[in-house]
Amino acid sequence: MGIKKKKISALPLAESLVGLFTIGVDSLNRSVKVGLQFLKTAADNANTATTAASQAANSANQATVSANNAATNANTKAGLANDKATEANEAAALANQKVTEANDTIIIMQELAESLVGQYKLIPTGIELEYPQIITFRNTETMRITYTLLPANTGRNVLFLGDDNAVTVTPDGSFVVKKPGISRIFVIPTENTNIYKTIEIMVIEPALRKITSNSLRFVGNGNLRLT
């Protein structure tokens, strides 16, 4: 019986390389049977390596995306931090300005308080005077009008204005005798002129008065009289 020939195209299609063989030649040029299963193993290993490489690439891409997202978040937070720092600096500058304005206001209020004290608390409401009401002519002693402004520690200055008739008064209240007669003097507190006082000082001729039986006195015309 003769050999029946088939075309390769007519042979059934193998679905796996497991159990398939082919003919090959070894190093001694001998014909040998070569199993094809190693091709499947190599292909499987290549596919496994490719899958691992793809997974690694995906992981790397995910890590890159995460890193980019983290960098974006960091930049966003850095921008917010810079904005907050700018706001804080502006608030600090505004606070410093308010402190300066408050200090200026305090100074103004202190000056106003001092002014009010000067205008109201330190204004005298009364005056007391001490002075000689009668002086002998030719008295060369310098005399003075002394004053006390009331309440205590109010006012400082008093103005003396005289008619320069019997006595001459100076701005500090001192006066000297000029001639017999009467002088009118105005004593005026400069912080409150409404409480001024008018005083009179009389200058008389010197006279002697008898105290005992041996005493004499001058009369108004300058003559001696026994009493």
C-alpha atoms as a PDB file:
ATOM      1  CA  MET A   1       0.000   0.000   0.000  1.00  0.00           C
ATOM      2  CA  GLY A   2       1.450   3.324  -0.988  1.00  0.00           C
ATOM      3  CA  ILE A   3       2.045   6.329   1.342  1.00  0.00           C
ATOM      4  CA  LYS A   4      -0.765   8.789   1.427  1.00  0.00           C
ATOM      5  CA  LYS A   5       0.467  12.364   1.208  1.00  0.00           C
ATOM      6  CA  LYS A   6      -1.165  15.374   2.870  1.00  0.00           C
ATOM      7  CA  LYS A   7      -0.504  19.002   2.446  1.00  0.00           C
ATOM      8  CA  ILE A   8       0.570  21.012   5.510  1.00  0.00           C
ATOM      9  CA  SER A   9      -2.479  23.172   5.005  1.00  0.00           C
ATOM     10  CA  ALA A  10      -4.604  20.118   5.487  1.00  0.00           C
ATOM     11  CA  LEU A  11      -3.110  19.193   8.846  1.00  0.00           C
ATOM     12  CA  PRO A  12      -5.020  20.219  12.031  1.00  0.00           C
ATOM     13  CA  LEU A  13      -3.917  23.438  13.730  1.00  0.00           C
ATOM     14  CA  ALA A  14      -2.056  22.968  17.022  1.00  0.00           C
ATOM     15  CA  GLU A  15      -3.312  25.113  19.887  1.00  0.00           C
ATOM     16  CA  SER A  16      -0.219  24.753  22.099  1.00  0.00           C
ATOM     17  CA  LEU A  17       3.472  24.158  21.722  1.00  0.00           C
ATOM     18  CA  VAL A  18       3.406  21.671  24.584  1.00  0.00           C
ATOM     19  CA  GLY A  19       4.189  18.170  23.223  1.00  0.00           C
ATOM     20  CA  LEU A  20       5.235  19.478  19.809  1.00  0.00           C
ATOM     21  CA  PHE A  21       8.631  18.674  18.363  1.00  0.00           C
ATOM     22  CA  THR A  22      10.694  19.423  15.280  1.00  0.00           C
ATOM     23  CA  ILE A  23      13.912  18.051  13.786  1.00  0.00           C
ATOM     24  CA  GLY A  24      17.196  19.778  14.339  1.00  0.00           C
ATOM     25  CA  VAL A  25      20.956  19.214  14.093  1.00  0.00           C
ATOM     26  CA  ASP A  26      23.234  19.204  17.086  1.00  0.00           C
ATOM     27  CA  SER A  27      26.894  20.341  17.286  1.00  0.00           C
ATOM     28  CA  LEU A  28      28.041  17.031  15.844  1.00  0.00           C
ATOM     29  CA  ASN A  29      25.779  17.473  12.864  1.00  0.00           C
ATOM     30  CA  ARG A  30      23.496  14.733  14.056  1.00  0.00           C
ATOM     31  CA  SER A  31      19.760  14.847  13.565  1.00  0.00           C
ATOM     32  CA  VAL A  32      17.936  15.343  16.823  1.00  0.00           C
ATOM     33  CA  LYS A  33      14.363  15.894  18.028  1.00  0.00           C
ATOM     34  CA  VAL A  34      13.756  19.347  19.392  1.00  0.00           C
ATOM     35  CA  GLY A  35      10.819  20.034  21.696  1.00  0.00           C
ATOM     36  CA  LEU A  36       9.033  23.350  21.041  1.00  0.00           C
ATOM     37  CA  GLN A  37       7.755  23.833  24.615  1.00  0.00           C
ATOM     38  CA  PHE A  38      10.771  26.094  25.471  1.00  0.00           C
ATOM     39  CA  LEU A  39       9.413  28.591  22.953  1.00  0.00           C
ATOM     40  CA  LYS A  40       6.195  28.787  24.924  1.00  0.00           C
ATOM     41  CA  THR A  41       8.157  29.183  28.166  1.00  0.00           C
ATOM     42  CA  ALA A  42      10.265  31.968  26.658  1.00  0.00           C
ATOM     43  CA  ALA A  43       7.148  33.655  25.304  1.00  0.00           C
ATOM     44  CA  ASP A  44       5.413  33.299  28.686  1.00  0.00           C
ATOM     45  CA  ASN A  45       8.448  34.755  30.448  1.00  0.00           C
ATOM     46  CA  ALA A  46       8.565  37.615  27.945  1.00  0.00           C
ATOM     47  CA  ASN A  47       4.874  38.277  28.468  1.00  0.00           C
ATOM     48  CA  THR A  48       5.350  38.180  32.254  1.00  0.00           C
ATOM     49  CA  ALA A  49       8.290  40.592  31.995  1.00  0.00           C
ATOM     50  CA  THR A  50       6.281  42.851  29.704  1.00  0.00           C
ATOM     51  CA  THR A  51       3.356  42.824  32.127  1.00  0.00           C
ATOM     52  CA  ALA A  52       5.686  43.570  35.038  1.00  0.00           C
ATOM     53  CA  ALA A  53       7.314  46.355  33.042  1.00  0.00           C
ATOM     54  CA  SER A  54       3.884  47.773  32.192  1.00  0.00           C
ATOM     55  CA  GLN A  55       2.825  47.584  35.825  1.00  0.00           C
ATOM     56  CA  ALA A  56       6.082  49.253  36.880  1.00  0.00           C
ATOM     57  CA  ALA A  57       5.566  51.924  34.246  1.00  0.00           C
ATOM     58  CA  ASN A  58       2.000  52.435  35.469  1.00  0.00           C
ATOM     59  CA  SER A  59       3.259  52.651  39.046  1.00  0.00           C
ATOM     60  CA  ALA A  60       5.915  55.115  37.960  1.00  0.00           C
ATOM     61  CA  ASN A  61       3.314  57.165  36.114  1.00  0.00           C
ATOM     62  CA  GLN A  62       1.038  57.093  39.153  1.00  0.00           C
ATOM     63  CA  ALA A  63       3.976  58.114  41.357  1.00  0.00           C
ATOM     64  CA  THR A  64       4.773  60.920  38.934  1.00  0.00           C
ATOM     65  CA  VAL A  65       1.146  62.057  38.961  1.00  0.00           C
ATOM     66  CA  SER A  66       1.101  61.871  42.769  1.00  0.00           C
ATOM     67  CA  ALA A  67       4.349  63.809  42.916  1.00  0.00           C
ATOM     68  CA  ASN A  68       2.993  66.415  40.535  1.00  0.00           C
ATOM     69  CA  ASN A  69      -0.209  66.646  42.572  1.00  0.00           C
ATOM     70  CA  ALA A  70       1.816  66.942  45.767  1.00  0.00           C
ATOM     71  CA  ALA A  71       3.985  69.627  44.187  1.00  0.00           C
ATOM     72  CA  THR A  72       0.871  71.476  43.016  1.00  0.00           C
ATOM     73  CA  ASN A  73      -0.652  71.205  46.480  1.00  0.00           C
ATOM     74  CA  ALA A  74       2.610  72.365  48.028  1.00  0.00           C
ATOM     75  CA  ASN A  75       2.779  75.318  45.667  1.00  0.00           C
ATOM     76  CA  THR A  76      -0.853  76.138  46.412  1.00  0.00           C
ATOM     77  CA  LYS A  77      -0.234  75.953  50.151  1.00  0.00           C
ATOM     78  CA  ALA A  78       2.951  77.980  49.768  1.00  0.00           C
ATOM     79  CA  GLY A  79       0.961  80.612  47.887  1.00  0.00           C
ATOM     80  CA  LEU A  80      -1.687  80.634  50.615  1.00  0.00           C
ATOM     81  CA  ALA A  81       1.040  80.890  53.248  1.00  0.00           C
ATOM     82  CA  ASN A  82       2.564  83.838  51.415  1.00  0.00           C
ATOM     83  CA  ASP A  83      -0.862  85.477  51.214  1.00  0.00           C
ATOM     84  CA  LYS A  84      -1.377  84.925  54.959  1.00  0.00           C
ATOM     85  CA  ALA A  85       2.096  86.307  55.664  1.00  0.00           C
ATOM     86  CA  THR A  86       1.310  89.372  53.563  1.00  0.00           C
ATOM     87  CA  GLU A  87      -1.996  89.825  55.401  1.00  0.00           C
ATOM     88  CA  ALA A  88      -0.203  89.419  58.743  1.00  0.00           C
ATOM     89  CA  ASN A  89       2.391  92.031  57.777  1.00  0.00           C
ATOM     90  CA  GLU A  90      -0.340  94.411  56.665  1.00  0.00           C
ATOM     91  CA  ALA A  91      -2.227  93.804  59.932  1.00  0.00           C
ATOM     92  CA  ALA A  92       0.962  94.426  61.928  1.00  0.00           C
ATOM     93  CA  ALA A  93       1.610  97.654  60.015  1.00  0.00           C
ATOM     94  CA  LEU A  94      -1.993  98.741  60.645  1.00  0.00           C
ATOM     95  CA  ALA A  95      -1.641  97.875  64.335  1.00  0.00           C
ATOM     96  CA  ASN A  96       1.552  99.918  64.558  1.00  0.00           C
ATOM     97  CA  GLN A  97      -0.232 102.806  62.888  1.00  0.00           C
ATOM     98  CA  LYS A  98      -3.096 102.533  65.373  1.00  0.00           C
ATOM     99  CA  VAL A  99      -0.615 102.463  68.271  1.00  0.00           C
ATOM    100  CA  THR A 100       1.064 105.600  66.910  1.00  0.00           C
ATOM    101  CA  GLU A 101      -2.324 107.300  66.510  1.00  0.00           C
ATOM    102  CA  ALA A 102      -3.280 106.241  70.051  1.00  0.00           C
ATOM    103  CA  ASN A 103      -0.029 107.666  71.442  1.00  0.00           C
ATOM    104  CA  ASP A 104      -0.634 110.918  69.573  1.00  0.00           C
ATOM    105  CA  THR A 105      -4.171 111.028  70.967  1.00  0.00           C
ATOM    106  CA  ILE A 106      -2.865 110.439  74.489  1.00  0.00           C
ATOM    107  CA  ILE A 107      -0.423 113.325  74.098  1.00  0.00           C
ATOM    108  CA  ILE A 108      -3.208 115.581  72.819  1.00  0.00           C
ATOM    109  CA  MET A 109      -5.478 114.550  75.705  1.00  0.00           C
ATOM    110  CA  GLN A 110      -2.711 115.205  78.223  1.00  0.00           C
ATOM    111  CA  GLU A 111      -2.109 118.641  76.751  1.00  0.00           C
ATOM    112  CA  LEU A 112      -5.853 119.303  76.806  1.00  0.00           C
ATOM    113  CA  ALA A 113      -6.072 118.168  80.432  1.00  0.00           C
ATOM    114  CA  GLU A 114      -3.203 120.436  81.372  1.00  0.00           C
ATOM    115  CA  SER A 115      -4.879 123.282  79.526  1.00  0.00           C
ATOM    116  CA  LEU A 116      -8.178 122.650  81.320  1.00  0.00           C
ATOM    117  CA  VAL A 117      -6.415 122.510  84.663  1.00  0.00           C
ATOM    118  CA  GLY A 118      -4.721 125.780  83.822  1.00  0.00           C
ATOM    119  CA  GLN A 119      -7.989 127.371  82.806  1.00  0.00           C
ATOM    120  CA  TYR A 120     -10.256 126.134  85.569  1.00  0.00           C
ATOM    121  CA  LYS A 121      -8.564 124.429  88.501  1.00  0.00           C
ATOM    122  CA  LEU A 122      -5.775 126.968  88.886  1.00  0.00           C
ATOM    123  CA  ILE A 123      -7.946 130.060  88.596  1.00  0.00           C
ATOM    124  CA  PRO A 124      -8.027 131.932  91.925  1.00  0.00           C
ATOM    125  CA  THR A 125     -11.392 132.886  93.340  1.00  0.00           C
ATOM    126  CA  GLY A 126     -10.253 135.146  96.168  1.00  0.00           C
ATOM    127  CA  ILE A 127      -7.347 137.249  97.406  1.00  0.00           C
ATOM    128  CA  GLU A 128      -6.092 138.273 100.839  1.00  0.00           C
ATOM    129  CA  LEU A 129      -3.806 141.304 101.335  1.00  0.00           C
ATOM    130  CA  GLU A 130      -1.479 142.533 104.046  1.00  0.00           C
ATOM    131  CA  TYR A 131      -0.131 146.099 103.946  1.00  0.00           C
ATOM    132  CA  PRO A 132       0.386 149.107 106.217  1.00  0.00           C
ATOM    133  CA  GLN A 133      -2.643 151.366 105.982  1.00  0.00           C
ATOM    134  CA  ILE A 134      -0.937 154.419 107.602  1.00  0.00           C
ATOM    135  CA  ILE A 135       2.709 155.414 107.068  1.00  0.00           C
ATOM    136  CA  THR A 136       4.685 158.308 108.530  1.00  0.00           C
ATOM    137  CA  PHE A 137       6.121 160.768 106.044  1.00  0.00           C
ATOM    138  CA  ARG A 138       9.897 160.604 105.499  1.00  0.00           C
ATOM    139  CA  ASN A 139       9.895 156.919 106.324  1.00  0.00           C
ATOM    140  CA  THR A 140      12.718 155.592 104.130  1.00  0.00           C
ATOM    141  CA  GLU A 141      12.032 151.936 104.744  1.00  0.00           C
ATOM    142  CA  THR A 142      10.906 149.994 101.679  1.00  0.00           C
ATOM    143  CA  MET A 143       7.551 148.367 102.378  1.00  0.00           C
ATOM    144  CA  ARG A 144       5.552 145.797 100.491  1.00  0.00           C
ATOM    145  CA  ILE A 145       2.024 144.708  99.808  1.00  0.00           C
ATOM    146  CA  THR A 146       1.864 140.936 100.320  1.00  0.00           C
ATOM    147  CA  TYR A 147      -0.909 138.795  98.872  1.00  0.00           C
ATOM    148  CA  THR A 148      -2.349 135.274  99.106  1.00  0.00           C
ATOM    149  CA  LEU A 149      -4.500 133.894  96.310  1.00  0.00           C
ATOM    150  CA  LEU A 150      -7.298 131.495  97.269  1.00  0.00           C
ATOM    151  CA  PRO A 151      -7.784 128.556  97.083  1.00  0.00           C
ATOM    152  CA  ALA A 152      -4.228 127.571  97.907  1.00  0.00           C
ATOM    153  CA  ASN A 153      -1.884 126.827  95.017  1.00  0.00           C
ATOM    154  CA  THR A 154      -4.020 128.734  92.517  1.00  0.00           C
ATOM    155  CA  GLY A 155      -2.777 131.631  90.447  1.00  0.00           C
ATOM    156  CA  ARG A 156       0.728 132.985  90.396  1.00  0.00           C
ATOM    157  CA  ASN A 157       0.806 136.590  89.321  1.00  0.00           C
ATOM    158  CA  VAL A 158      -0.638 139.821  90.676  1.00  0.00           C
ATOM    159  CA  LEU A 159      -0.427 143.252  89.071  1.00  0.00           C
ATOM    160  CA  PHE A 160      -0.085 146.410  91.198  1.00  0.00           C
ATOM    161  CA  LEU A 161      -1.306 149.715  89.749  1.00  0.00           C
ATOM    162  CA  GLY A 162      -1.016 152.884  91.849  1.00  0.00           C
ATOM    163  CA  ASP A 163      -1.845 156.557  91.372  1.00  0.00           C
ATOM    164  CA  ASP A 164       1.732 157.541  92.351  1.00  0.00           C
ATOM    165  CA  ASN A 165       0.349 160.228  94.679  1.00  0.00           C
ATOM    166  CA  ALA A 166       1.440 159.631  98.271  1.00  0.00           C
ATOM    167  CA  VAL A 167       3.442 156.457  97.553  1.00  0.00           C
ATOM    168  CA  THR A 168       5.076 154.949  94.521  1.00  0.00           C
ATOM    169  CA  VAL A 169       4.386 151.227  94.028  1.00  0.00           C
ATOM    170  CA  THR A 170       6.440 148.877  91.850  1.00  0.00           C
ATOM    171  CA  PRO A 171       5.114 145.881  89.892  1.00  0.00           C
ATOM    172  CA  ASP A 172       6.257 143.479  92.641  1.00  0.00           C
ATOM    173  CA  GLY A 173       4.195 145.233  95.332  1.00  0.00           C
ATOM    174  CA  SER A 174       7.018 147.181  96.950  1.00  0.00           C
ATOM    175  CA  PHE A 175       6.396 150.902  97.552  1.00  0.00           C
ATOM    176  CA  VAL A 176       8.161 153.989  98.936  1.00  0.00           C
ATOM    177  CA  VAL A 177       6.746 157.149 100.495  1.00  0.00           C
ATOM    178  CA  LYS A 178       6.601 160.300  98.368  1.00  0.00           C
ATOM    179  CA  LYS A 179       4.581 162.847 100.334  1.00  0.00           C
ATOM    180  CA  PRO A 180       1.732 163.164 102.824  1.00  0.00           C
ATOM    181  CA  GLY A 181      -1.637 162.196 101.393  1.00  0.00           C
ATOM    182  CA  ILE A 182      -3.561 159.164 100.280  1.00  0.00           C
ATOM    183  CA  SER A 183      -2.705 156.785  97.450  1.00  0.00           C
ATOM    184  CA  ARG A 184      -5.138 154.362  95.869  1.00  0.00           C
ATOM    185  CA  ILE A 185      -3.665 151.112  94.592  1.00  0.00           C
ATOM    186  CA  PHE A 186      -5.328 148.403  92.521  1.00  0.00           C
ATOM    187  CA  VAL A 187      -4.227 144.816  93.228  1.00  0.00           C
ATOM    188  CA  ILE A 188      -5.217 142.690  90.213  1.00  0.00           C
ATOM    189  CA  PRO A 189      -4.689 138.876  89.908  1.00  0.00           C
ATOM    190  CA  THR A 190      -3.771 138.291  86.273  1.00  0.00           C
ATOM    191  CA  GLU A 191      -5.501 134.875  86.141  1.00  0.00           C
ATOM    192  CA  ASN A 192      -8.819 136.322  87.341  1.00  0.00           C
ATOM    193  CA  THR A 193      -9.074 140.102  87.144  1.00  0.00           C
ATOM    194  CA  ASN A 194     -12.660 140.019  88.459  1.00  0.00           C
ATOM    195  CA  ILE A 195     -11.448 139.534  92.030  1.00  0.00           C
ATOM    196  CA  TYR A 196      -9.198 142.616  92.082  1.00  0.00           C
ATOM    197  CA  LYS A 197      -9.081 144.753  95.213  1.00  0.00           C
ATOM    198  CA  THR A 198      -8.613 148.487  95.715  1.00  0.00           C
ATOM    199  CA  ILE A 199      -6.656 149.614  98.775  1.00  0.00           C
ATOM    200  CA  GLU A 200      -5.701 153.017 100.192  1.00  0.00           C
ATOM    201  CA  ILE A 201      -2.470 153.893 101.954  1.00  0.00           C
ATOM    202  CA  MET A 202      -2.349 157.106 103.984  1.00  0.00           C
ATOM    203  CA  VAL A 203       0.908 159.033 104.525  1.00  0.00           C
ATOM    204  CA  ILE A 204       0.852 161.409 107.539  1.00  0.00           C
ATOM    205  CA  GLU A 205       3.256 163.888 109.045  1.00  0.00           C
ATOM    206  CA  PRO A 206       5.365 162.544 111.907  1.00  0.00           C
ATOM    207  CA  ALA A 207       4.077 163.453 115.438  1.00  0.00           C
ATOM    208  CA  LEU A 208       5.214 162.978 119.043  1.00  0.00           C
ATOM    209  CA  ARG A 209       2.735 161.951 121.707  1.00  0.00           C
ATOM    210  CA  LYS A 210       3.326 162.386 125.419  1.00  0.00           C
ATOM    211  CA  ILE A 211       3.388 159.055 127.177  1.00  0.00           C
ATOM    212  CA  THR A 212       4.471 160.324 130.604  1.00  0.00           C
ATOM    213  CA  SER A 213       4.680 163.762 132.236  1.00  0.00           C
ATOM    214  CA  ASN A 214       8.002 164.309 130.502  1.00  0.00           C
ATOM    215  CA  SER A 215       6.854 163.256 127.021  1.00  0.00           C
ATOM    216  CA  LEU A 216       6.226 165.442 123.978  1.00  0.00           C
ATOM    217  CA  ARG A 217       4.537 164.915 120.612  1.00  0.00           C
ATOM    218  CA  PHE A 218       4.468 166.549 117.208  1.00  0.00           C
ATOM    219  CA  VAL A 219       1.221 168.030 116.078  1.00  0.00           C
ATOM    220  CA  GLY A 220       0.022 168.083 112.484  1.00  0.00           C
ATOM    221  CA  ASN A 221       1.830 171.357 111.642  1.00  0.00           C
ATOM    222  CA  GLY A 222       5.112 170.008 112.938  1.00  0.00           C
ATOM    223  CA  ASN A 223       5.166 172.005 116.189  1.00  0.00           C
ATOM    224  CA  LEU A 224       5.822 170.413 119.538  1.00  0.00           C
ATOM    225  CA  ARG A 225       3.033 170.350 122.088  1.00  0.00           C
ATOM    226  CA  LEU A 226       3.168 169.503 125.773  1.00  0.00           C
ATOM    227  CA  THR A 227       0.393 167.181 126.967  1.00  0.00           C
END
